[in-house]
Amino acid sequence: MGGFPDAMVCTLGNIIVVLFRAFGAMLAYEFKNNGVQMIADERVEHYIIDAVMRYSAIEGSAEIVMLLSDNDNPKDGRIVSYFFR
């Protein structure tokens, strides 16, 4: 995908998410008691084009929304979201 960075970092409140775009991997951490604790390690199995963190009032937690490249059609995409409780 050209000159885009290999990784992205999104934050919201005390949650930090690191996205490895080409690998389709997501690592999430939470600050707790003056330390960092891993709360998610997910493989989305698609190239991550873009992502944003937001607060979901419905779920009452942080959410990351990602735009992923479709493996069969690289000019098309799909949107996925993960909630952190």
Protein backbone atom coordinates (compact mmCIF):
# COMPACT_ATOMS: atom_id res chain seq x y z
CA MET A 1 0.00 0.00 0.00
CA GLY A 2 2.70 2.43 -0.94
CA GLY A 3 4.37 4.70 1.60
CA PHE A 4 1.96 4.16 4.47
CA PRO A 5 3.44 3.23 7.87
CA ASP A 6 3.75 -0.45 8.78
CA ALA A 7 2.00 0.07 12.12
CA MET A 8 -0.65 2.35 13.59
CA VAL A 9 -1.37 3.30 17.18
CA CYS A 10 -4.85 4.29 18.38
CA THR A 11 -5.70 5.39 21.92
CA LEU A 12 -8.80 6.19 23.92
CA GLY A 13 -8.72 6.86 27.64
CA ASN A 14 -6.49 4.22 29.19
CA ILE A 15 -6.58 1.82 26.20
CA ILE A 16 -3.76 1.66 23.64
CA VAL A 17 -4.14 -0.37 20.43
CA VAL A 18 -1.22 -1.21 18.14
CA LEU A 19 -2.15 -2.35 14.62
CA PHE A 20 0.33 -4.12 12.35
CA ARG A 21 -1.19 -3.32 8.98
CA ALA A 22 0.37 -5.87 6.61
CA PHE A 23 0.06 -8.75 9.10
CA GLY A 24 -3.53 -7.90 10.01
CA ALA A 25 -2.68 -8.07 13.70
CA MET A 26 -4.05 -6.06 16.62
CA LEU A 27 -2.58 -5.82 20.12
CA ALA A 28 -4.46 -3.91 22.81
CA TYR A 29 -3.17 -2.77 26.19
CA GLU A 30 -4.76 -1.08 29.18
CA PHE A 31 -3.10 1.08 31.81
CA LYS A 32 -3.92 -0.38 35.24
CA ASN A 33 -2.32 0.25 38.61
CA ASN A 34 0.68 2.13 37.15
CA GLY A 35 1.38 -0.69 34.68
CA VAL A 36 0.32 -1.93 31.27
CA GLN A 37 -1.72 -5.10 30.83
CA MET A 38 -2.47 -6.82 27.49
CA ILE A 39 -6.22 -7.13 26.96
CA ALA A 40 -6.43 -8.36 23.35
CA ASP A 41 -4.31 -10.15 20.76
CA GLU A 42 -6.31 -10.60 17.55
CA ARG A 43 -5.59 -11.49 13.94
CA VAL A 44 -8.00 -9.93 11.45
CA GLU A 45 -6.33 -11.75 8.52
CA HIS A 46 -6.65 -8.75 6.18
CA TYR A 47 -4.54 -5.69 5.42
CA ILE A 48 -5.62 -2.86 7.74
CA ILE A 49 -6.23 0.25 5.65
CA ASP A 50 -7.32 2.60 8.44
CA ALA A 51 -8.67 2.54 11.99
CA VAL A 52 -10.22 4.79 14.62
CA MET A 53 -11.03 4.44 18.33
CA ARG A 54 -14.34 5.66 19.75
CA TYR A 55 -16.47 5.33 22.83
CA SER A 56 -19.60 3.22 22.35
CA ALA A 57 -22.44 4.41 24.58
CA ILE A 58 -24.45 1.30 23.67
CA GLU A 59 -21.75 -1.13 24.82
CA GLY A 60 -20.39 1.21 27.49
CA SER A 61 -16.81 0.62 26.43
CA ALA A 62 -14.13 1.57 23.94
CA GLU A 63 -14.41 0.32 20.38
CA ILE A 64 -11.97 0.18 17.50
CA VAL A 65 -13.40 0.37 13.99
CA MET A 66 -11.13 -0.82 11.17
CA LEU A 67 -11.33 -0.61 7.40
CA LEU A 68 -9.80 -3.78 5.96
CA SER A 69 -8.79 -4.69 2.43
CA ASP A 70 -10.74 -7.56 0.89
CA ASN A 71 -8.39 -10.43 -0.04
CA ASP A 72 -10.34 -11.28 -3.22
CA ASN A 73 -10.73 -7.69 -4.43
CA PRO A 74 -8.04 -5.24 -3.21
CA LYS A 75 -10.10 -2.29 -4.50
CA ASP A 76 -12.90 -3.22 -2.13
CA GLY A 77 -12.97 -3.22 1.64
CA ARG A 78 -14.82 -4.33 4.73
CA ILE A 79 -15.45 -2.70 8.07
CA VAL A 80 -15.04 -4.54 11.38
CA SER A 81 -15.19 -3.41 14.99
CA TYR A 82 -13.96 -4.77 18.31
CA PHE A 83 -15.19 -3.76 21.75
CA PHE A 84 -12.96 -3.59 24.81
CA ARG A 85 -14.77 -4.14 28.11
